[in-house]
């Protein structure tokens, strides 16, 4: 089974700032070692969860400590009320096919 290295960040936003936040949120340059990234918005649009998949914990840590990431986080800060984040290791779970009858 393939092991995945995942960084998850959930942010609650100031009301009415989601478009400004999204402009500040996109990384530039794109992080080295990041394989895939997803964004999930709550129904009310006030919370966003970002999930990124990395080559390794070291690649993620390197990006997190970089100047471009510090600048990106500073640009997002005016729109963020609360933030939770964490790094995880895991694997894909097998989901059985629905039975046909």
PDB file of N, CA and C in Angstrom:
ATOM      1  N   UNK A   1       0.829  -1.185   0.000  1.00  0.00           N
ATOM      2  CA  UNK A   1       0.000   0.000   0.000  1.00  0.00           C
ATOM      3  C   UNK A   1       0.868   1.242   0.000  1.00  0.00           C
ATOM      4  N   UNK A   2       0.470   2.196  -0.804  1.00  0.00           N
ATOM      5  CA  UNK A   2       1.216   3.439  -0.897  1.00  0.00           C
ATOM      6  C   UNK A   2       0.914   4.344   0.301  1.00  0.00           C
ATOM      7  N   UNK A   3       1.977   4.864   0.905  1.00  0.00           N
ATOM      8  CA  UNK A   3       1.806   5.788   2.028  1.00  0.00           C
ATOM      9  C   UNK A   3       1.689   7.212   1.482  1.00  0.00           C
ATOM     10  N   UNK A   4       0.792   7.996   2.083  1.00  0.00           N
ATOM     11  CA  UNK A   4       0.584   9.381   1.682  1.00  0.00           C
ATOM     12  C   UNK A   4       1.036  10.306   2.801  1.00  0.00           C
ATOM     13  N   UNK A   5       1.577  11.458   2.399  1.00  0.00           N
ATOM     14  CA  UNK A   5       1.970  12.504   3.337  1.00  0.00           C
ATOM     15  C   UNK A   5       1.058  13.698   3.058  1.00  0.00           C
ATOM     16  N   UNK A   6       0.272  14.107   4.062  1.00  0.00           N
ATOM     17  CA  UNK A   6      -0.811  15.062   3.835  1.00  0.00           C
ATOM     18  C   UNK A   6      -0.744  16.211   4.840  1.00  0.00           C
ATOM     19  N   UNK A   7      -0.895  17.428   4.327  1.00  0.00           N
ATOM     20  CA  UNK A   7      -1.015  18.619   5.168  1.00  0.00           C
ATOM     21  C   UNK A   7      -2.453  19.108   5.041  1.00  0.00           C
ATOM     22  N   UNK A   8      -3.131  19.315   6.181  1.00  0.00           N
ATOM     23  CA  UNK A   8      -4.523  19.762   6.194  1.00  0.00           C
ATOM     24  C   UNK A   8      -4.607  21.072   6.980  1.00  0.00           C
ATOM     25  N   UNK A   9      -5.226  22.067   6.387  1.00  0.00           N
ATOM     26  CA  UNK A   9      -5.431  23.355   7.053  1.00  0.00           C
ATOM     27  C   UNK A   9      -6.893  23.746   6.894  1.00  0.00           C
ATOM     28  N   UNK A  10      -7.530  24.093   8.011  1.00  0.00           N
ATOM     29  CA  UNK A  10      -8.908  24.587   7.980  1.00  0.00           C
ATOM     30  C   UNK A  10      -8.898  26.009   8.511  1.00  0.00           C
ATOM     31  N   UNK A  11      -9.509  26.908   7.735  1.00  0.00           N
ATOM     32  CA  UNK A  11      -9.562  28.315   8.122  1.00  0.00           C
ATOM     33  C   UNK A  11     -10.998  28.808   8.118  1.00  0.00           C
ATOM     34  N   UNK A  12     -11.370  29.535   9.160  1.00  0.00           N
ATOM     35  CA  UNK A  12     -12.641  30.254   9.196  1.00  0.00           C
ATOM     36  C   UNK A  12     -12.328  31.675   8.783  1.00  0.00           C
ATOM     37  N   UNK A  13     -13.132  32.208   7.851  1.00  0.00           N
ATOM     38  CA  UNK A  13     -12.856  33.510   7.254  1.00  0.00           C
ATOM     39  C   UNK A  13     -13.755  34.613   7.801  1.00  0.00           C
ATOM     40  N   UNK A  14     -13.248  35.838   7.682  1.00  0.00           N
ATOM     41  CA  UNK A  14     -14.075  37.016   7.973  1.00  0.00           C
ATOM     42  C   UNK A  14     -15.247  37.002   6.983  1.00  0.00           C
ATOM     43  N   UNK A  15     -16.444  37.352   7.412  1.00  0.00           N
ATOM     44  CA  UNK A  15     -17.585  37.376   6.481  1.00  0.00           C
ATOM     45  C   UNK A  15     -17.312  38.290   5.283  1.00  0.00           C
ATOM     46  N   UNK A  16     -17.692  37.810   4.105  1.00  0.00           N
ATOM     47  CA  UNK A  16     -17.588  38.602   2.882  1.00  0.00           C
ATOM     48  C   UNK A  16     -16.185  38.729   2.309  1.00  0.00           C
ATOM     49  N   UNK A  17     -15.238  37.914   2.759  1.00  0.00           N
ATOM     50  CA  UNK A  17     -13.859  38.051   2.275  1.00  0.00           C
ATOM     51  C   UNK A  17     -13.378  36.858   1.455  1.00  0.00           C
ATOM     52  N   UNK A  18     -14.253  35.942   1.098  1.00  0.00           N
ATOM     53  CA  UNK A  18     -13.796  34.703   0.454  1.00  0.00           C
ATOM     54  C   UNK A  18     -13.074  34.956  -0.870  1.00  0.00           C
ATOM     55  N   UNK A  19     -13.519  35.915  -1.688  1.00  0.00           N
ATOM     56  CA  UNK A  19     -12.844  36.179  -2.963  1.00  0.00           C
ATOM     57  C   UNK A  19     -11.460  36.762  -2.736  1.00  0.00           C
ATOM     58  N   UNK A  20     -11.330  37.708  -1.807  1.00  0.00           N
ATOM     59  CA  UNK A  20     -10.021  38.282  -1.484  1.00  0.00           C
ATOM     60  C   UNK A  20      -9.100  37.211  -0.910  1.00  0.00           C
ATOM     61  N   UNK A  21      -9.647  36.373  -0.041  1.00  0.00           N
ATOM     62  CA  UNK A  21      -8.861  35.296   0.551  1.00  0.00           C
ATOM     63  C   UNK A  21      -8.344  34.356  -0.529  1.00  0.00           C
ATOM     64  N   UNK A  22      -9.205  33.978  -1.463  1.00  0.00           N
ATOM     65  CA  UNK A  22      -8.797  33.036  -2.518  1.00  0.00           C
ATOM     66  C   UNK A  22      -7.663  33.590  -3.361  1.00  0.00           C
ATOM     67  N   UNK A  23      -7.676  34.883  -3.641  1.00  0.00           N
ATOM     68  CA  UNK A  23      -6.579  35.492  -4.405  1.00  0.00           C
ATOM     69  C   UNK A  23      -5.264  35.388  -3.631  1.00  0.00           C
ATOM     70  N   UNK A  24      -5.310  35.610  -2.326  1.00  0.00           N
ATOM     71  CA  UNK A  24      -4.097  35.557  -1.491  1.00  0.00           C
ATOM     72  C   UNK A  24      -3.645  34.128  -1.222  1.00  0.00           C
ATOM     73  N   UNK A  25      -4.568  33.177  -1.302  1.00  0.00           N
ATOM     74  CA  UNK A  25      -4.338  31.806  -0.887  1.00  0.00           C
ATOM     75  C   UNK A  25      -3.500  30.995  -1.868  1.00  0.00           C
ATOM     76  N   UNK A  26      -3.611  31.271  -3.139  1.00  0.00           N
ATOM     77  CA  UNK A  26      -2.917  30.457  -4.145  1.00  0.00           C
ATOM     78  C   UNK A  26      -1.413  30.659  -4.061  1.00  0.00           C
ATOM     79  N   UNK A  27      -0.638  29.567  -3.930  1.00  0.00           N
ATOM     80  CA  UNK A  27       0.807  29.719  -3.788  1.00  0.00           C
ATOM     81  C   UNK A  27       1.489  30.126  -5.089  1.00  0.00           C
ATOM     82  N   UNK A  28       2.531  30.916  -4.969  1.00  0.00           N
ATOM     83  CA  UNK A  28       3.368  31.284  -6.101  1.00  0.00           C
ATOM     84  C   UNK A  28       4.773  31.490  -5.565  1.00  0.00           C
ATOM     85  N   UNK A  29       5.734  30.765  -5.993  1.00  0.00           N
ATOM     86  CA  UNK A  29       5.641  29.685  -6.972  1.00  0.00           C
ATOM     87  C   UNK A  29       4.956  28.459  -6.377  1.00  0.00           C
ATOM     88  N   UNK A  30       4.599  27.546  -7.256  1.00  0.00           N
ATOM     89  CA  UNK A  30       3.977  26.308  -6.804  1.00  0.00           C
ATOM     90  C   UNK A  30       5.010  25.525  -5.989  1.00  0.00           C
ATOM     91  N   UNK A  31       4.642  24.999  -4.825  1.00  0.00           N
ATOM     92  CA  UNK A  31       5.596  24.326  -3.940  1.00  0.00           C
ATOM     93  C   UNK A  31       6.220  23.068  -4.555  1.00  0.00           C
ATOM     94  N   UNK A  32       7.535  22.966  -4.455  1.00  0.00           N
ATOM     95  CA  UNK A  32       8.235  21.754  -4.884  1.00  0.00           C
ATOM     96  C   UNK A  32       7.875  20.624  -3.920  1.00  0.00           C
ATOM     97  N   UNK A  33       7.621  19.453  -4.446  1.00  0.00           N
ATOM     98  CA  UNK A  33       7.308  18.301  -3.611  1.00  0.00           C
ATOM     99  C   UNK A  33       5.822  18.132  -3.338  1.00  0.00           C
ATOM    100  N   UNK A  34       4.995  19.095  -3.766  1.00  0.00           N
ATOM    101  CA  UNK A  34       3.543  18.943  -3.600  1.00  0.00           C
ATOM    102  C   UNK A  34       3.009  18.174  -4.805  1.00  0.00           C
ATOM    103  N   UNK A  35       2.322  17.074  -4.541  1.00  0.00           N
ATOM    104  CA  UNK A  35       1.796  16.228  -5.612  1.00  0.00           C
ATOM    105  C   UNK A  35       0.412  16.668  -6.077  1.00  0.00           C
ATOM    106  N   UNK A  36      -0.469  16.941  -5.118  1.00  0.00           N
ATOM    107  CA  UNK A  36      -1.855  17.318  -5.419  1.00  0.00           C
ATOM    108  C   UNK A  36      -2.359  18.210  -4.306  1.00  0.00           C
ATOM    109  N   UNK A  37      -3.388  18.985  -4.621  1.00  0.00           N
ATOM    110  CA  UNK A  37      -4.005  19.832  -3.598  1.00  0.00           C
ATOM    111  C   UNK A  37      -5.495  19.953  -3.889  1.00  0.00           C
ATOM    112  N   UNK A  38      -6.277  20.017  -2.818  1.00  0.00           N
ATOM    113  CA  UNK A  38      -7.726  20.137  -2.911  1.00  0.00           C
ATOM    114  C   UNK A  38      -8.197  21.229  -1.962  1.00  0.00           C
ATOM    115  N   UNK A  39      -9.299  21.872  -2.304  1.00  0.00           N
ATOM    116  CA  UNK A  39      -9.930  22.860  -1.418  1.00  0.00           C
ATOM    117  C   UNK A  39     -11.389  22.486  -1.264  1.00  0.00           C
ATOM    118  N   UNK A  40     -11.868  22.536  -0.031  1.00  0.00           N
ATOM    119  CA  UNK A  40     -13.254  22.198   0.282  1.00  0.00           C
ATOM    120  C   UNK A  40     -13.860  23.352   1.071  1.00  0.00           C
ATOM    121  N   UNK A  41     -14.957  23.906   0.566  1.00  0.00           N
ATOM    122  CA  UNK A  41     -15.639  25.033   1.199  1.00  0.00           C
ATOM    123  C   UNK A  41     -16.866  24.551   1.964  1.00  0.00           C
ATOM    124  N   UNK A  42     -17.118  25.157   3.118  1.00  0.00           N
ATOM    125  CA  UNK A  42     -18.349  24.862   3.859  1.00  0.00           C
ATOM    126  C   UNK A  42     -19.531  25.441   3.091  1.00  0.00           C
ATOM    127  N   UNK A  43     -20.709  24.971   3.418  1.00  0.00           N
ATOM    128  CA  UNK A  43     -21.916  25.431   2.729  1.00  0.00           C
ATOM    129  C   UNK A  43     -22.106  26.940   2.825  1.00  0.00           C
ATOM    130  N   UNK A  44     -21.759  27.534   3.965  1.00  0.00           N
ATOM    131  CA  UNK A  44     -21.949  28.977   4.139  1.00  0.00           C
ATOM    132  C   UNK A  44     -20.794  29.797   3.557  1.00  0.00           C
ATOM    133  N   UNK A  45     -19.745  29.147   3.035  1.00  0.00           N
ATOM    134  CA  UNK A  45     -18.628  29.836   2.415  1.00  0.00           C
ATOM    135  C   UNK A  45     -17.680  30.507   3.391  1.00  0.00           C
ATOM    136  N   UNK A  46     -17.869  30.288   4.669  1.00  0.00           N
ATOM    137  CA  UNK A  46     -17.044  30.951   5.679  1.00  0.00           C
ATOM    138  C   UNK A  46     -15.877  30.097   6.160  1.00  0.00           C
ATOM    139  N   UNK A  47     -15.822  28.842   5.727  1.00  0.00           N
ATOM    140  CA  UNK A  47     -14.737  27.966   6.157  1.00  0.00           C
ATOM    141  C   UNK A  47     -14.203  27.222   4.947  1.00  0.00           C
ATOM    142  N   UNK A  48     -12.873  27.108   4.892  1.00  0.00           N
ATOM    143  CA  UNK A  48     -12.228  26.381   3.805  1.00  0.00           C
ATOM    144  C   UNK A  48     -11.218  25.412   4.403  1.00  0.00           C
ATOM    145  N   UNK A  49     -11.222  24.186   3.879  1.00  0.00           N
ATOM    146  CA  UNK A  49     -10.233  23.194   4.274  1.00  0.00           C
ATOM    147  C   UNK A  49      -9.386  22.877   3.056  1.00  0.00           C
ATOM    148  N   UNK A  50      -8.082  23.074   3.200  1.00  0.00           N
ATOM    149  CA  UNK A  50      -7.133  22.726   2.157  1.00  0.00           C
ATOM    150  C   UNK A  50      -6.440  21.431   2.512  1.00  0.00           C
ATOM    151  N   UNK A  51      -6.335  20.539   1.540  1.00  0.00           N
ATOM    152  CA  UNK A  51      -5.678  19.245   1.733  1.00  0.00           C
ATOM    153  C   UNK A  51      -4.629  19.115   0.635  1.00  0.00           C
ATOM    154  N   UNK A  52      -3.365  18.989   1.040  1.00  0.00           N
ATOM    155  CA  UNK A  52      -2.295  18.845   0.053  1.00  0.00           C
ATOM    156  C   UNK A  52      -1.522  17.558   0.310  1.00  0.00           C
ATOM    157  N   UNK A  53      -1.127  16.906  -0.784  1.00  0.00           N
ATOM    158  CA  UNK A  53      -0.380  15.654  -0.738  1.00  0.00           C
ATOM    159  C   UNK A  53       1.059  15.943  -1.155  1.00  0.00           C
ATOM    160  N   UNK A  54       2.021  15.404  -0.386  1.00  0.00           N
ATOM    161  CA  UNK A  54       3.426  15.729  -0.543  1.00  0.00           C
ATOM    162  C   UNK A  54       4.267  14.494  -0.796  1.00  0.00           C
ATOM    163  N   UNK A  55       5.443  14.696  -1.402  1.00  0.00           N
ATOM    164  CA  UNK A  55       6.406  13.609  -1.609  1.00  0.00           C
ATOM    165  C   UNK A  55       6.900  13.059  -0.276  1.00  0.00           C
ATOM    166  N   UNK A  56       7.045  13.961   0.722  1.00  0.00           N
ATOM    167  CA  UNK A  56       7.585  13.565   2.023  1.00  0.00           C
ATOM    168  C   UNK A  56       7.246  14.640   3.052  1.00  0.00           C
ATOM    169  N   UNK A  57       7.426  14.313   4.319  1.00  0.00           N
ATOM    170  CA  UNK A  57       7.254  15.307   5.384  1.00  0.00           C
ATOM    171  C   UNK A  57       8.284  16.420   5.224  1.00  0.00           C
ATOM    172  N   UNK A  58       9.504  16.048   4.816  1.00  0.00           N
ATOM    173  CA  UNK A  58      10.571  17.027   4.640  1.00  0.00           C
ATOM    174  C   UNK A  58      10.222  18.045   3.555  1.00  0.00           C
ATOM    175  N   UNK A  59       9.615  17.593   2.461  1.00  0.00           N
ATOM    176  CA  UNK A  59       9.212  18.515   1.392  1.00  0.00           C
ATOM    177  C   UNK A  59       8.167  19.500   1.903  1.00  0.00           C
ATOM    178  N   UNK A  60       7.211  19.004   2.665  1.00  0.00           N
ATOM    179  CA  UNK A  60       6.177  19.865   3.248  1.00  0.00           C
ATOM    180  C   UNK A  60       6.800  20.851   4.234  1.00  0.00           C
ATOM    181  N   UNK A  61       7.662  20.355   5.124  1.00  0.00           N
ATOM    182  CA  UNK A  61       8.317  21.220   6.104  1.00  0.00           C
ATOM    183  C   UNK A  61       9.155  22.302   5.425  1.00  0.00           C
ATOM    184  N   UNK A  62       9.828  21.941   4.338  1.00  0.00           N
ATOM    185  CA  UNK A  62      10.653  22.899   3.608  1.00  0.00           C
ATOM    186  C   UNK A  62       9.784  24.032   3.051  1.00  0.00           C
ATOM    187  N   UNK A  63       8.647  23.674   2.448  1.00  0.00           N
ATOM    188  CA  UNK A  63       7.725  24.702   1.939  1.00  0.00           C
ATOM    189  C   UNK A  63       7.190  25.555   3.082  1.00  0.00           C
ATOM    190  N   UNK A  64       6.788  24.932   4.169  1.00  0.00           N
ATOM    191  CA  UNK A  64       6.209  25.668   5.302  1.00  0.00           C
ATOM    192  C   UNK A  64       7.198  26.687   5.876  1.00  0.00           C
ATOM    193  N   UNK A  65       8.507  26.415   5.765  1.00  0.00           N
ATOM    194  CA  UNK A  65       9.535  27.307   6.306  1.00  0.00           C
ATOM    195  C   UNK A  65      10.047  28.322   5.273  1.00  0.00           C
ATOM    196  N   UNK A  66       9.514  28.284   4.052  1.00  0.00           N
ATOM    197  CA  UNK A  66      10.039  29.126   2.971  1.00  0.00           C
ATOM    198  C   UNK A  66       9.517  30.566   3.044  1.00  0.00           C
ATOM    199  N   UNK A  67      10.254  31.472   2.421  1.00  0.00           N
ATOM    200  CA  UNK A  67       9.821  32.870   2.341  1.00  0.00           C
ATOM    201  C   UNK A  67       8.521  33.028   1.545  1.00  0.00           C
ATOM    202  N   UNK A  68       8.374  32.347   0.388  1.00  0.00           N
ATOM    203  CA  UNK A  68       7.100  32.486  -0.330  1.00  0.00           C
ATOM    204  C   UNK A  68       5.890  32.064   0.514  1.00  0.00           C
ATOM    205  N   UNK A  69       6.039  31.018   1.330  1.00  0.00           N
ATOM    206  CA  UNK A  69       4.924  30.587   2.184  1.00  0.00           C
ATOM    207  C   UNK A  69       4.671  31.619   3.279  1.00  0.00           C
ATOM    208  N   UNK A  70       5.715  32.204   3.842  1.00  0.00           N
ATOM    209  CA  UNK A  70       5.542  33.253   4.861  1.00  0.00           C
ATOM    210  C   UNK A  70       4.810  34.459   4.265  1.00  0.00           C
ATOM    211  N   UNK A  71       5.158  34.824   3.037  1.00  0.00           N
ATOM    212  CA  UNK A  71       4.482  35.941   2.363  1.00  0.00           C
ATOM    213  C   UNK A  71       3.026  35.605   2.079  1.00  0.00           C
ATOM    214  N   UNK A  72       2.781  34.392   1.654  1.00  0.00           N
ATOM    215  CA  UNK A  72       1.401  33.955   1.369  1.00  0.00           C
ATOM    216  C   UNK A  72       0.563  33.983   2.640  1.00  0.00           C
ATOM    217  N   UNK A  73       1.104  33.493   3.731  1.00  0.00           N
ATOM    218  CA  UNK A  73       0.370  33.475   5.002  1.00  0.00           C
ATOM    219  C   UNK A  73       0.093  34.901   5.497  1.00  0.00           C
ATOM    220  N   UNK A  74       1.050  35.801   5.301  1.00  0.00           N
ATOM    221  CA  UNK A  74       0.844  37.203   5.691  1.00  0.00           C
ATOM    222  C   UNK A  74      -0.260  37.841   4.841  1.00  0.00           C
ATOM    223  N   UNK A  75      -0.312  37.494   3.554  1.00  0.00           N
ATOM    224  CA  UNK A  75      -1.350  38.034   2.670  1.00  0.00           C
ATOM    225  C   UNK A  75      -2.734  37.506   3.039  1.00  0.00           C
ATOM    226  N   UNK A  76      -2.820  36.263   3.542  1.00  0.00           N
ATOM    227  CA  UNK A  76      -4.106  35.671   3.936  1.00  0.00           C
ATOM    228  C   UNK A  76      -4.586  36.172   5.292  1.00  0.00           C
ATOM    229  N   UNK A  77      -3.664  36.538   6.165  1.00  0.00           N
ATOM    230  CA  UNK A  77      -3.971  36.837   7.568  1.00  0.00           C
ATOM    231  C   UNK A  77      -5.129  37.818   7.789  1.00  0.00           C
ATOM    232  N   UNK A  78      -5.266  38.893   7.008  1.00  0.00           N
ATOM    233  CA  UNK A  78      -6.364  39.823   7.278  1.00  0.00           C
ATOM    234  C   UNK A  78      -7.760  39.217   7.108  1.00  0.00           C
ATOM    235  N   UNK A  79      -7.863  38.099   6.408  1.00  0.00           N
ATOM    236  CA  UNK A  79      -9.162  37.492   6.109  1.00  0.00           C
ATOM    237  C   UNK A  79      -9.492  36.310   7.018  1.00  0.00           C
ATOM    238  N   UNK A  80      -8.534  35.875   7.835  1.00  0.00           N
ATOM    239  CA  UNK A  80      -8.679  34.651   8.631  1.00  0.00           C
ATOM    240  C   UNK A  80      -9.036  34.981  10.073  1.00  0.00           C
ATOM    241  N   UNK A  81     -10.118  34.343  10.566  1.00  0.00           N
ATOM    242  CA  UNK A  81     -10.547  34.490  11.957  1.00  0.00           C
ATOM    243  C   UNK A  81      -9.907  33.411  12.821  1.00  0.00           C
ATOM    244  N   UNK A  82      -9.839  32.193  12.281  1.00  0.00           N
ATOM    245  CA  UNK A  82      -9.337  31.047  13.033  1.00  0.00           C
ATOM    246  C   UNK A  82      -8.673  30.078  12.063  1.00  0.00           C
ATOM    247  N   UNK A  83      -7.622  29.377  12.540  1.00  0.00           N
ATOM    248  CA  UNK A  83      -6.903  28.439  11.690  1.00  0.00           C
ATOM    249  C   UNK A  83      -6.486  27.220  12.501  1.00  0.00           C
ATOM    250  N   UNK A  84      -6.683  26.038  11.907  1.00  0.00           N
ATOM    251  CA  UNK A  84      -6.228  24.777  12.491  1.00  0.00           C
ATOM    252  C   UNK A  84      -5.476  24.039  11.394  1.00  0.00           C
ATOM    253  N   UNK A  85      -4.354  23.413  11.762  1.00  0.00           N
ATOM    254  CA  UNK A  85      -3.575  22.721  10.745  1.00  0.00           C
ATOM    255  C   UNK A  85      -2.828  21.551  11.343  1.00  0.00           C
ATOM    256  N   UNK A  86      -2.457  20.607  10.473  1.00  0.00           N
ATOM    257  CA  UNK A  86      -1.713  19.450  10.936  1.00  0.00           C
ATOM    258  C   UNK A  86      -1.188  18.625   9.782  1.00  0.00           C
ATOM    259  N   UNK A  87      -0.156  17.844  10.068  1.00  0.00           N
ATOM    260  CA  UNK A  87       0.466  16.955   9.091  1.00  0.00           C
ATOM    261  C   UNK A  87       0.105  15.520   9.446  1.00  0.00           C
ATOM    262  N   UNK A  88      -0.220  14.731   8.435  1.00  0.00           N
ATOM    263  CA  UNK A  88      -0.658  13.356   8.651  1.00  0.00           C
ATOM    264  C   UNK A  88       0.032  12.410   7.673  1.00  0.00           C
ATOM    265  N   UNK A  89       0.172  11.164   8.081  1.00  0.00           N
ATOM    266  CA  UNK A  89       0.612  10.073   7.216  1.00  0.00           C
ATOM    267  C   UNK A  89      -0.552   9.103   7.130  1.00  0.00           C
ATOM    268  N   UNK A  90      -0.763   8.510   5.966  1.00  0.00           N
ATOM    269  CA  UNK A  90      -1.873   7.576   5.855  1.00  0.00           C
ATOM    270  C   UNK A  90      -1.838   6.829   4.542  1.00  0.00           C
ATOM    271  N   UNK A  91      -2.937   6.162   4.269  1.00  0.00           N
ATOM    272  CA  UNK A  91      -3.074   5.368   3.053  1.00  0.00           C
ATOM    273  C   UNK A  91      -4.525   5.412   2.599  1.00  0.00           C
ATOM    274  N   UNK A  92      -4.741   5.060   1.343  1.00  0.00           N
ATOM    275  CA  UNK A  92      -6.091   4.995   0.804  1.00  0.00           C
ATOM    276  C   UNK A  92      -6.776   3.747   1.337  1.00  0.00           C
ATOM    277  N   UNK A  93      -8.037   3.891   1.678  1.00  0.00           N
ATOM    278  CA  UNK A  93      -8.822   2.745   2.153  1.00  0.00           C
ATOM    279  C   UNK A  93      -9.558   2.107   0.978  1.00  0.00           C
ATOM    280  N   UNK A  94      -9.645   0.805   0.976  1.00  0.00           N
ATOM    281  CA  UNK A  94     -10.384   0.102  -0.061  1.00  0.00           C
ATOM    282  C   UNK A  94     -11.870   0.194   0.234  1.00  0.00           C
ATOM    283  N   UNK A  95     -12.626   0.657  -0.736  1.00  0.00           N
ATOM    284  CA  UNK A  95     -14.075   0.761  -0.585  1.00  0.00           C
ATOM    285  C   UNK A  95     -14.690  -0.332  -1.457  1.00  0.00           C
ATOM    286  N   UNK A  96     -15.466  -1.222  -0.855  1.00  0.00           N
ATOM    287  CA  UNK A  96     -16.047  -2.317  -1.627  1.00  0.00           C
ATOM    288  C   UNK A  96     -17.042  -1.797  -2.659  1.00  0.00           C
ATOM    289  N   UNK A  97     -17.110  -2.481  -3.775  1.00  0.00           N
ATOM    290  CA  UNK A  97     -18.087  -2.135  -4.808  1.00  0.00           C
ATOM    291  C   UNK A  97     -19.488  -2.471  -4.305  1.00  0.00           C
ATOM    292  N   UNK A  98     -20.487  -1.686  -4.699  1.00  0.00           N
ATOM    293  CA  UNK A  98     -21.856  -2.013  -4.295  1.00  0.00           C
ATOM    294  C   UNK A  98     -22.266  -3.364  -4.899  1.00  0.00           C
ATOM    295  N   UNK A  99     -22.995  -4.133  -4.127  1.00  0.00           N
ATOM    296  CA  UNK A  99     -23.445  -5.441  -4.642  1.00  0.00           C
ATOM    297  C   UNK A  99     -24.524  -5.225  -5.699  1.00  0.00           C
ATOM    298  N   UNK A 100     -24.523  -6.078  -6.644  1.00  0.00           N
ATOM    299  CA  UNK A 100     -25.530  -5.992  -7.720  1.00  0.00           C
ATOM    300  C   UNK A 100     -26.520  -7.130  -7.550  1.00  0.00           C
ATOM    301  N   UNK A 101     -27.755  -6.794  -7.611  1.00  0.00           N
ATOM    302  CA  UNK A 101     -28.726  -7.856  -7.387  1.00  0.00           C
ATOM    303  C   UNK A 101     -29.958  -7.770  -8.119  1.00  0.00           C
TER     304      UNK A 101
END
